Amino acid sequence: MQSFCGSVWDSVWDYDTPRILIIKNRTVGAVNRFIQCVIIAYIIGWVLVWEKGYQEFDSPTASVTSKVKGIAFTNSSLLEEHLWDPADYVIPPQEESAFFVMTNVIVTRNQVQGLCPEFPSKTSGCKSDSDCTAGYHDSHSNGVLTGKCNKHVNTCEIYGWCPVENDSVIPKPAILEQAENFTVLIKNSITFPKFQFSKRNILPTANASYLKVCRFNQKNDPSCPIFILGDMVRDAGENFQELSVQGGVMGILINWNCNLDRPASECFPVYKFRRLDKGTNEALAPGYNFRFAKYNINENGTQSRTLYKAYGIRFIIDVFGKAGKFNIIPTLINIGSGLALLGMATIVCDIIALNILKKKHHYEEMKYKSIRDGELAQLEEGS
């Protein structure tokens, strides 16, 4: 125990210094050079060239506005002749980084508050007044039960907005199937604060005449900021006419990936389109819809309303990306980190020489040598 403690105490005051040992072995030498080449290729190819490790980066702050244009004329048994313009089908008129286009609708006209039979369902059916609990209602009710059973339709009577809405049959094809040809102007401005760099998706060379005729196309005109709704849905792999019946949610992805070491004209957005509301169980609560009403006061002072159940496509605009510019600090950090990896070649070669080669014991004796002060004095006297 005493000798063990003494050895531990002595080791505290030991000093280790690297010893250069040149091993004339082709296997070890080839492994050493191969690992060094791989690490150098990684530093140059991946860190500096592919990942642009010589640059510092910044994310954009963005503003987005949109303007939908297009008219549609419909003549159906439900709505008769009707001309639709953006004031009718863009709800609300403006959103932040999004817009909604109504493509289908169920209209219930001339509703007034009063008594009427509930819409037939499993919970509203009745045979007598005892089946209808006065004052009862739930989240699916169109009104409050009065406690009476309407014997003509065998449903409970309610107090609510009458007549009640019938949304059991959704119009197909969609009422506004012509919305496929509507257009939207997307104005997007971005700023990279770190570099004080700003730009718009409308090119400086564009003019009013160009914006009147241009339409976005991935191949022919990728710089045009005016998009056809049907084209965006098709680019996402969807069918507009099918999507317009019950509605859905689409994503417009705008990617600004800019190398500010190059001219500003080479910094431009790339557009992609995705369907966002697809899932594994699309039959359950499909599509996108909501209700709104328009109210008016009749001549006799009675308030009435027209109820709309609107189906449509909500487009969500997502702006993202990054900008890079040369900076000496990340350049030195990445190069230094990469060069530090060159030490891996020495570690691997030591493992091979000291554990795998036939002369491993000989290499170990040559690599590790311990000298005490007394031994060093004897060497000096002998010399």
Protein backbone atom coordinates (compact mmCIF):
# COMPACT_ATOMS: atom_id res chain seq x y z
CA MET A 1 0.00 0.00 0.00
CA GLN A 2 2.86 2.32 0.88
CA SER A 3 4.61 1.58 -2.42
CA PHE A 4 1.37 2.18 -4.32
CA CYS A 5 0.88 5.56 -2.68
CA GLY A 6 4.49 6.42 -3.40
CA SER A 7 4.12 5.57 -7.09
CA VAL A 8 0.96 7.67 -7.33
CA TRP A 9 2.76 10.55 -5.62
CA ASP A 10 5.70 10.26 -8.01
CA SER A 11 3.39 10.19 -11.06
CA VAL A 12 1.93 13.53 -10.01
CA TRP A 13 5.28 15.15 -10.75
CA ASP A 14 5.91 13.33 -14.06
CA TYR A 15 6.16 15.32 -17.26
CA ASP A 16 5.15 13.84 -20.63
CA THR A 17 6.59 15.16 -23.89
CA PRO A 18 5.85 13.88 -27.41
CA ARG A 19 8.52 11.75 -28.99
CA ILE A 20 8.99 11.76 -32.75
CA LEU A 21 9.25 8.22 -34.09
CA ILE A 22 9.56 7.74 -37.85
CA ILE A 23 8.13 4.32 -38.80
CA LYS A 24 9.31 3.06 -42.19
CA ASN A 25 6.22 0.96 -42.89
CA ARG A 26 4.21 1.32 -46.10
CA THR A 27 0.94 0.14 -44.52
CA VAL A 28 1.04 2.66 -41.71
CA GLY A 29 2.25 5.40 -44.06
CA ALA A 30 -0.54 4.70 -46.57
CA VAL A 31 -3.20 4.81 -43.81
CA ASN A 32 -1.74 8.06 -42.49
CA ARG A 33 -1.80 9.78 -45.91
CA PHE A 34 -5.26 8.45 -46.74
CA ILE A 35 -6.79 9.81 -43.53
CA GLN A 36 -5.04 13.14 -44.00
CA CYS A 37 -6.37 13.41 -47.59
CA VAL A 38 -9.90 12.57 -46.44
CA ILE A 39 -9.80 15.22 -43.71
CA ILE A 40 -8.38 17.87 -46.07
CA ALA A 41 -11.04 17.02 -48.66
CA TYR A 42 -13.70 17.33 -45.95
CA ILE A 43 -12.37 20.75 -44.90
CA ILE A 44 -12.22 22.11 -48.44
CA GLY A 45 -15.15 20.31 -50.08
CA TRP A 46 -17.77 20.14 -47.34
CA VAL A 47 -16.93 22.81 -44.74
CA LEU A 48 -15.69 25.60 -47.01
CA VAL A 49 -17.32 24.96 -50.41
CA TRP A 50 -20.62 23.16 -49.73
CA GLU A 51 -21.46 24.62 -46.31
CA LYS A 52 -19.75 27.95 -47.10
CA GLY A 53 -17.85 27.90 -43.85
CA TYR A 54 -16.06 31.10 -44.86
CA GLN A 55 -19.29 33.09 -44.49
CA GLU A 56 -21.44 34.39 -41.66
CA PHE A 57 -25.20 34.02 -42.10
CA ASP A 58 -28.43 35.85 -41.35
CA SER A 59 -32.15 35.02 -41.61
CA PRO A 60 -34.62 37.34 -43.35
CA THR A 61 -37.35 39.50 -41.90
CA ALA A 62 -40.20 39.67 -44.38
CA SER A 63 -43.45 41.39 -45.22
CA VAL A 64 -46.08 39.88 -47.53
CA THR A 65 -49.23 41.34 -49.09
CA SER A 66 -51.53 39.75 -51.64
CA LYS A 67 -54.22 40.88 -54.07
CA VAL A 68 -56.58 38.41 -55.75
CA LYS A 69 -58.25 39.27 -59.05
CA GLY A 70 -60.84 37.57 -61.24
CA ILE A 71 -64.60 37.42 -61.76
CA ALA A 72 -66.98 34.48 -62.11
CA PHE A 73 -70.56 34.31 -63.38
CA THR A 74 -72.82 31.58 -61.96
CA ASN A 75 -76.38 30.61 -62.78
CA SER A 76 -77.50 27.80 -60.47
CA SER A 77 -80.86 26.79 -59.05
CA LEU A 78 -79.61 27.79 -55.57
CA LEU A 79 -78.16 31.24 -56.33
CA GLU A 80 -79.69 32.02 -59.74
CA GLU A 81 -77.65 34.53 -61.76
CA HIS A 82 -74.80 36.00 -59.77
CA LEU A 83 -71.57 37.76 -60.64
CA TRP A 84 -68.73 37.17 -58.16
CA ASP A 85 -65.77 39.52 -57.74
CA PRO A 86 -62.96 39.68 -55.12
CA ALA A 87 -65.20 41.58 -52.69
CA ASP A 88 -67.49 38.52 -52.62
CA TYR A 89 -65.08 35.60 -52.46
CA VAL A 90 -61.92 36.92 -50.69
CA ILE A 91 -62.71 36.60 -46.96
CA PRO A 92 -61.45 38.58 -45.10
CA PRO A 93 -60.21 41.21 -47.56
CA GLN A 94 -56.68 41.11 -46.06
CA GLU A 95 -54.75 38.68 -43.85
CA GLU A 96 -51.17 38.61 -42.68
CA SER A 97 -49.17 36.27 -44.93
CA ALA A 98 -52.32 34.45 -46.05
CA PHE A 99 -55.50 34.79 -48.11
CA PHE A 100 -58.72 32.80 -48.48
CA VAL A 101 -60.63 32.27 -51.72
CA MET A 102 -64.19 30.94 -51.45
CA THR A 103 -64.82 28.25 -54.07
CA ASN A 104 -68.11 26.72 -52.89
CA VAL A 105 -71.00 27.91 -50.75
CA ILE A 106 -74.30 26.88 -49.17
CA VAL A 107 -76.67 29.84 -48.79
CA THR A 108 -79.64 30.02 -46.41
CA ARG A 109 -81.67 33.15 -47.13
CA ASN A 110 -84.16 35.16 -45.09
CA GLN A 111 -83.48 33.71 -41.67
CA VAL A 112 -85.31 35.34 -38.78
CA GLN A 113 -85.38 34.45 -35.10
CA GLY A 114 -88.44 32.42 -34.25
CA LEU A 115 -89.88 28.92 -33.93
CA CYS A 116 -89.24 26.15 -36.44
CA PRO A 117 -88.43 22.42 -36.53
CA GLU A 118 -84.82 21.39 -35.93
CA PHE A 119 -82.91 19.86 -38.83
CA PRO A 120 -83.53 16.08 -38.82
CA SER A 121 -80.77 14.09 -37.09
CA LYS A 122 -80.34 11.22 -34.64
CA THR A 123 -80.61 13.53 -31.63
CA SER A 124 -83.43 15.79 -32.88
CA GLY A 125 -85.97 13.11 -33.88
CA CYS A 126 -89.15 12.77 -31.80
CA LYS A 127 -92.55 11.07 -31.63
CA SER A 128 -94.06 13.12 -28.84
CA ASP A 129 -93.39 16.22 -26.73
CA SER A 130 -91.82 14.03 -24.05
CA ASP A 131 -88.90 13.35 -26.39
CA CYS A 132 -88.02 17.08 -26.45
CA THR A 133 -86.54 18.56 -23.27
CA ALA A 134 -87.37 22.26 -23.03
CA GLY A 135 -84.29 24.46 -22.85
CA TYR A 136 -81.90 21.73 -24.05
CA HIS A 137 -79.19 22.52 -26.59
CA ASP A 138 -75.66 21.38 -27.41
CA SER A 139 -72.81 22.40 -29.70
CA HIS A 140 -74.55 20.85 -32.72
CA SER A 141 -77.95 22.48 -32.13
CA ASN A 142 -79.37 25.20 -34.34
CA GLY A 143 -81.37 26.58 -31.43
CA VAL A 144 -82.94 25.92 -28.02
CA LEU A 145 -85.61 23.21 -27.72
CA THR A 146 -89.05 24.50 -26.79
CA GLY A 147 -90.29 21.15 -25.46
CA LYS A 148 -92.65 20.52 -28.39
CA CYS A 149 -92.44 17.91 -31.13
CA ASN A 150 -93.26 18.91 -34.70
CA LYS A 151 -95.41 16.01 -35.93
CA HIS A 152 -95.06 16.95 -39.61
CA VAL A 153 -91.32 16.24 -39.79
CA ASN A 154 -90.96 14.36 -36.47
CA THR A 155 -88.26 16.63 -35.07
CA CYS A 156 -88.19 18.81 -31.99
CA GLU A 157 -89.20 22.44 -32.28
CA ILE A 158 -86.53 25.04 -31.55
CA TYR A 159 -86.22 28.74 -31.03
CA GLY A 160 -83.44 30.01 -33.27
CA TRP A 161 -82.65 31.40 -36.70
CA CYS A 162 -85.32 29.95 -38.99
CA PRO A 163 -85.43 28.25 -41.41
CA VAL A 164 -82.43 26.18 -40.26
CA GLU A 165 -79.51 25.51 -42.56
CA ASN A 166 -79.44 22.33 -44.63
CA ASP A 167 -75.79 21.48 -45.34
CA SER A 168 -76.28 17.75 -45.91
CA VAL A 169 -75.60 18.10 -49.64
CA ILE A 170 -72.54 20.03 -50.80
CA PRO A 171 -72.80 21.48 -54.33
CA LYS A 172 -70.71 19.51 -56.81
CA PRO A 173 -69.12 20.74 -58.98
CA ALA A 174 -68.21 23.74 -56.85
CA ILE A 175 -70.24 26.92 -57.32
CA LEU A 176 -67.09 28.94 -58.10
CA GLU A 177 -65.29 26.34 -60.16
CA GLN A 178 -64.05 29.22 -62.34
CA ALA A 179 -61.81 30.27 -59.43
CA GLU A 180 -59.20 28.02 -61.00
CA ASN A 181 -58.37 30.89 -63.36
CA PHE A 182 -58.23 33.63 -60.72
CA THR A 183 -54.84 35.30 -60.19
CA VAL A 184 -53.05 36.60 -57.12
CA LEU A 185 -50.31 39.23 -56.95
CA ILE A 186 -47.91 38.43 -54.12
CA LYS A 187 -45.68 41.30 -53.02
CA ASN A 188 -42.84 40.13 -50.81
CA SER A 189 -40.10 42.35 -49.34
CA ILE A 190 -37.21 40.88 -47.34
CA THR A 191 -34.37 42.34 -45.30
CA PHE A 192 -31.24 40.70 -43.93
CA PRO A 193 -30.56 43.05 -40.97
CA LYS A 194 -27.01 41.89 -40.30
CA PHE A 195 -25.91 42.86 -43.82
CA GLN A 196 -28.34 45.79 -44.30
CA PHE A 197 -29.53 44.17 -47.52
CA SER A 198 -33.12 44.51 -48.78
CA LYS A 199 -34.92 43.27 -51.85
CA ARG A 200 -38.40 42.64 -53.33
CA ASN A 201 -39.72 39.74 -55.36
CA ILE A 202 -40.72 42.28 -58.03
CA LEU A 203 -37.58 42.83 -60.10
CA PRO A 204 -36.27 46.39 -60.61
CA THR A 205 -36.56 45.85 -64.37
CA ALA A 206 -40.32 45.09 -64.19
CA ASN A 207 -42.86 47.71 -65.25
CA ALA A 208 -46.65 48.07 -65.27
CA SER A 209 -46.97 46.61 -68.76
CA TYR A 210 -45.03 43.51 -67.74
CA LEU A 211 -47.18 42.93 -64.64
CA LYS A 212 -50.36 43.07 -66.71
CA VAL A 213 -49.37 40.17 -68.94
CA CYS A 214 -46.89 38.05 -66.98
CA ARG A 215 -47.91 34.82 -65.23
CA PHE A 216 -45.63 32.79 -63.00
CA ASN A 217 -44.15 29.67 -64.56
CA GLN A 218 -41.33 27.62 -63.02
CA LYS A 219 -39.55 27.30 -66.39
CA ASN A 220 -40.65 30.18 -68.60
CA ASP A 221 -41.13 33.07 -66.13
CA PRO A 222 -40.00 32.22 -62.56
CA SER A 223 -39.65 35.92 -61.65
CA CYS A 224 -43.28 36.94 -62.26
CA PRO A 225 -45.08 37.72 -58.94
CA ILE A 226 -48.56 36.97 -60.36
CA PHE A 227 -49.79 33.40 -59.88
CA ILE A 228 -52.77 31.50 -61.29
CA LEU A 229 -54.56 29.64 -58.47
CA GLY A 230 -55.06 26.50 -60.55
CA ASP A 231 -51.39 26.37 -61.50
CA MET A 232 -50.29 26.54 -57.85
CA VAL A 233 -52.64 23.69 -56.91
CA ARG A 234 -51.44 21.58 -59.84
CA ASP A 235 -47.78 22.24 -58.97
CA ALA A 236 -48.59 20.78 -55.53
CA GLY A 237 -49.87 17.60 -57.20
CA GLU A 238 -53.57 18.31 -56.49
CA ASN A 239 -56.71 18.61 -58.62
CA PHE A 240 -58.25 22.06 -58.31
CA GLN A 241 -61.81 21.01 -59.18
CA GLU A 242 -61.79 18.28 -56.53
CA LEU A 243 -60.15 20.54 -53.94
CA SER A 244 -62.63 23.37 -54.56
CA VAL A 245 -65.68 21.30 -53.53
CA GLN A 246 -64.85 21.04 -49.80
CA GLY A 247 -61.82 23.32 -49.66
CA GLY A 248 -58.36 22.84 -48.20
CA VAL A 249 -55.17 24.56 -47.08
CA MET A 250 -52.29 25.27 -49.44
CA GLY A 251 -48.78 26.47 -48.64
CA ILE A 252 -46.84 28.95 -50.77
CA LEU A 253 -43.17 28.58 -49.80
CA ILE A 254 -40.84 31.46 -50.73
CA ASN A 255 -37.18 30.63 -50.24
CA TRP A 256 -34.57 33.41 -50.32
CA ASN A 257 -31.15 31.72 -50.39
CA CYS A 258 -28.64 34.46 -51.19
CA ASN A 259 -24.86 34.57 -51.53
CA LEU A 260 -24.06 38.23 -50.91
CA ASP A 261 -20.49 37.76 -52.09
CA ARG A 262 -22.04 37.68 -55.56
CA PRO A 263 -24.03 40.44 -57.36
CA ALA A 264 -27.41 41.39 -55.84
CA SER A 265 -29.13 40.43 -59.11
CA GLU A 266 -28.40 36.77 -58.30
CA CYS A 267 -30.43 36.99 -55.09
CA PHE A 268 -33.99 36.03 -56.02
CA PRO A 269 -36.77 33.90 -54.49
CA VAL A 270 -37.63 30.30 -55.34
CA TYR A 271 -41.31 29.32 -55.08
CA LYS A 272 -42.74 25.95 -54.12
CA PHE A 273 -46.31 24.88 -53.39
CA ARG A 274 -47.60 22.25 -50.96
CA ARG A 275 -50.95 20.90 -49.75
CA LEU A 276 -50.81 21.39 -45.97
CA ASP A 277 -53.95 19.69 -44.69
CA LYS A 278 -53.45 16.18 -46.04
CA GLY A 279 -53.31 13.37 -43.49
CA THR A 280 -53.91 9.70 -42.92
CA ASN A 281 -57.65 10.07 -42.19
CA GLU A 282 -58.87 12.61 -44.75
CA ALA A 283 -62.46 11.30 -44.70
CA LEU A 284 -62.92 12.62 -41.15
CA ALA A 285 -63.69 16.38 -41.07
CA PRO A 286 -62.32 17.01 -44.58
CA GLY A 287 -61.69 20.33 -46.25
CA TYR A 288 -61.85 23.90 -44.97
CA ASN A 289 -65.06 25.81 -44.28
CA PHE A 290 -66.63 28.38 -41.99
CA ARG A 291 -69.87 30.34 -41.66
CA PHE A 292 -70.64 34.04 -41.82
CA ALA A 293 -73.84 36.06 -42.15
CA LYS A 294 -75.04 39.30 -43.71
CA TYR A 295 -77.73 41.11 -41.70
CA ASN A 296 -80.44 43.54 -42.69
CA ILE A 297 -83.49 45.21 -41.15
CA ASN A 298 -86.84 44.67 -42.89
CA GLU A 299 -89.39 47.44 -43.42
CA ASN A 300 -91.32 46.27 -40.36
CA GLY A 301 -88.17 46.56 -38.22
CA THR A 302 -87.51 42.81 -38.05
CA GLN A 303 -83.90 41.73 -38.28
CA SER A 304 -83.13 39.04 -40.84
CA ARG A 305 -79.98 37.54 -42.23
CA THR A 306 -78.51 35.49 -45.04
CA LEU A 307 -76.28 32.67 -43.77
CA TYR A 308 -73.32 31.51 -45.84
CA LYS A 309 -71.39 28.31 -45.27
CA ALA A 310 -68.24 29.04 -47.24
CA TYR A 311 -65.91 26.34 -48.55
CA GLY A 312 -62.63 27.38 -50.08
CA ILE A 313 -58.86 27.27 -50.23
CA ARG A 314 -56.74 29.08 -47.68
CA PHE A 315 -53.28 29.94 -49.00
CA ILE A 316 -50.61 30.39 -46.31
CA ILE A 317 -47.43 32.19 -47.42
CA ASP A 318 -44.22 31.16 -45.65
CA VAL A 319 -41.06 33.20 -46.30
CA PHE A 320 -37.73 31.74 -45.18
CA GLY A 321 -34.10 31.42 -46.24
CA LYS A 322 -30.66 32.73 -45.36
CA ALA A 323 -27.97 35.02 -46.68
CA GLY A 324 -24.23 34.52 -46.37
CA LYS A 325 -21.27 36.88 -46.68
CA PHE A 326 -17.52 36.43 -46.21
CA ASN A 327 -16.16 36.99 -42.73
CA ILE A 328 -12.64 36.16 -41.57
CA ILE A 329 -13.70 34.97 -38.11
CA PRO A 330 -15.88 31.96 -39.14
CA THR A 331 -13.30 31.21 -41.84
CA LEU A 332 -10.46 30.85 -39.30
CA ILE A 333 -12.66 28.95 -36.84
CA ASN A 334 -13.76 26.38 -39.43
CA ILE A 335 -10.26 25.93 -40.86
CA GLY A 336 -8.78 25.57 -37.37
CA SER A 337 -11.43 23.04 -36.36
CA GLY A 338 -10.81 21.08 -39.51
CA LEU A 339 -7.04 21.06 -39.11
CA ALA A 340 -7.44 19.81 -35.55
CA LEU A 341 -9.03 16.70 -37.05
CA LEU A 342 -5.67 15.86 -38.67
CA GLY A 343 -4.68 14.53 -35.25
CA MET A 344 -7.05 11.64 -35.96
CA ALA A 345 -4.51 10.28 -38.46
CA THR A 346 -1.84 10.03 -35.73
CA ILE A 347 -4.26 8.30 -33.34
CA VAL A 348 -5.31 5.70 -35.91
CA CYS A 349 -1.74 5.01 -37.02
CA ASP A 350 -0.61 4.61 -33.38
CA ILE A 351 -3.39 2.06 -32.84
CA ILE A 352 -2.25 0.11 -35.91
CA ALA A 353 1.48 0.27 -35.05
CA LEU A 354 1.10 -0.58 -31.34
CA ASN A 355 -1.67 -3.19 -31.57
CA ILE A 356 -1.85 -4.75 -35.03
CA LEU A 357 1.62 -4.89 -36.68
CA LYS A 358 3.88 -7.89 -35.98
CA LYS A 359 6.60 -5.70 -34.47
CA LYS A 360 4.15 -3.89 -32.19
CA HIS A 361 6.21 -4.59 -29.03
CA HIS A 362 9.33 -3.16 -30.67
CA TYR A 363 7.40 -0.01 -31.71
CA GLU A 364 6.04 0.34 -28.18
CA GLU A 365 9.51 0.21 -26.67
CA MET A 366 10.76 2.83 -29.09
CA LYS A 367 7.76 5.13 -28.62
CA TYR A 368 7.52 5.15 -24.83
CA LYS A 369 10.64 5.70 -22.71
CA SER A 370 10.86 6.71 -19.06
CA ILE A 371 13.93 8.56 -17.71
CA ARG A 372 14.61 9.39 -14.06
CA ASP A 373 16.90 12.12 -12.79
CA GLY A 374 19.40 9.55 -11.48
CA GLU A 375 19.56 7.77 -14.84
CA LEU A 376 20.11 11.05 -16.60
CA ALA A 377 23.06 11.84 -14.24
CA GLN A 378 24.65 8.41 -14.97
CA LEU A 379 24.32 9.09 -18.72
CA GLU A 380 26.09 12.43 -18.28
CA GLU A 381 28.95 10.87 -16.25
CA GLY A 382 29.37 8.12 -18.82
CA SER A 383 29.64 10.62 -21.60
